[in-house]
Amino acid sequence: MIRDKDARLVYGPLATDRPHALKVFGYKEVKSRLGSTGAGLSFLWESGTPLSTQVELLSSGLYAFAYGRGDMGRTPAFSETSLNLAHEFSLPEFKSEQKIRLEWTIGNLFNKHISVDYATGLIHPHDGHIQFPSSASVFRGYDPMALMAKQGLRENPAYKMASAFQAPRSMRVAVRFTF
């Protein structure tokens, strides 16, 4: 059971909670005497995920949400658009089932760079954890900042800073020969 600094049970949205999501896909193919050309577009939008301050307690690696779940707000909403262009054709010297397909796929078409995660650990990663006289002391309530100061633990300098970002635009070219 995880309890906060006031010894209350911790409830709230989990770290993967995304209450809203929208996915849209579209693909159009046009055939002509030059072959078959297709264009596809996909769009994804998701609301942000909750961020919760984590404090390492005891030597067992127990992380507690000292200030409750979601105390740091949410990550920004995530959106990404991708594009796929393809052309398939057959050369006169090929058999009818032999075809060449050229494809160009662009992920993150508009090259968005939003932060998808933030540092949530309150204690400096090289300092260890908050110590208690006994495991039962955790369930009586505690002040993380006061205990950190008393035990010489530093605050994580990266706390609340962006730690992971959306992947940059990527392009993939493919040539396929089917026979």
Foldseek 3Di string as FASTA:
>chain_A
DAAAQQLHDADDDDQPDWPDKDKDKDKDWDQDLFFIKMKIKIKIKTAFGAAAAWAQEDQPRDIHRHPHTRPLPTFHIDMWMKMKIKTKGDDPVDDPQKIKMKMKIKTRVVFDKGFRDADRYFWAPPQHHQYDPDPCVVNNGRDVVVSCVVVVTHTHPRHRPRDGIDDTMDMDIDMDIDD
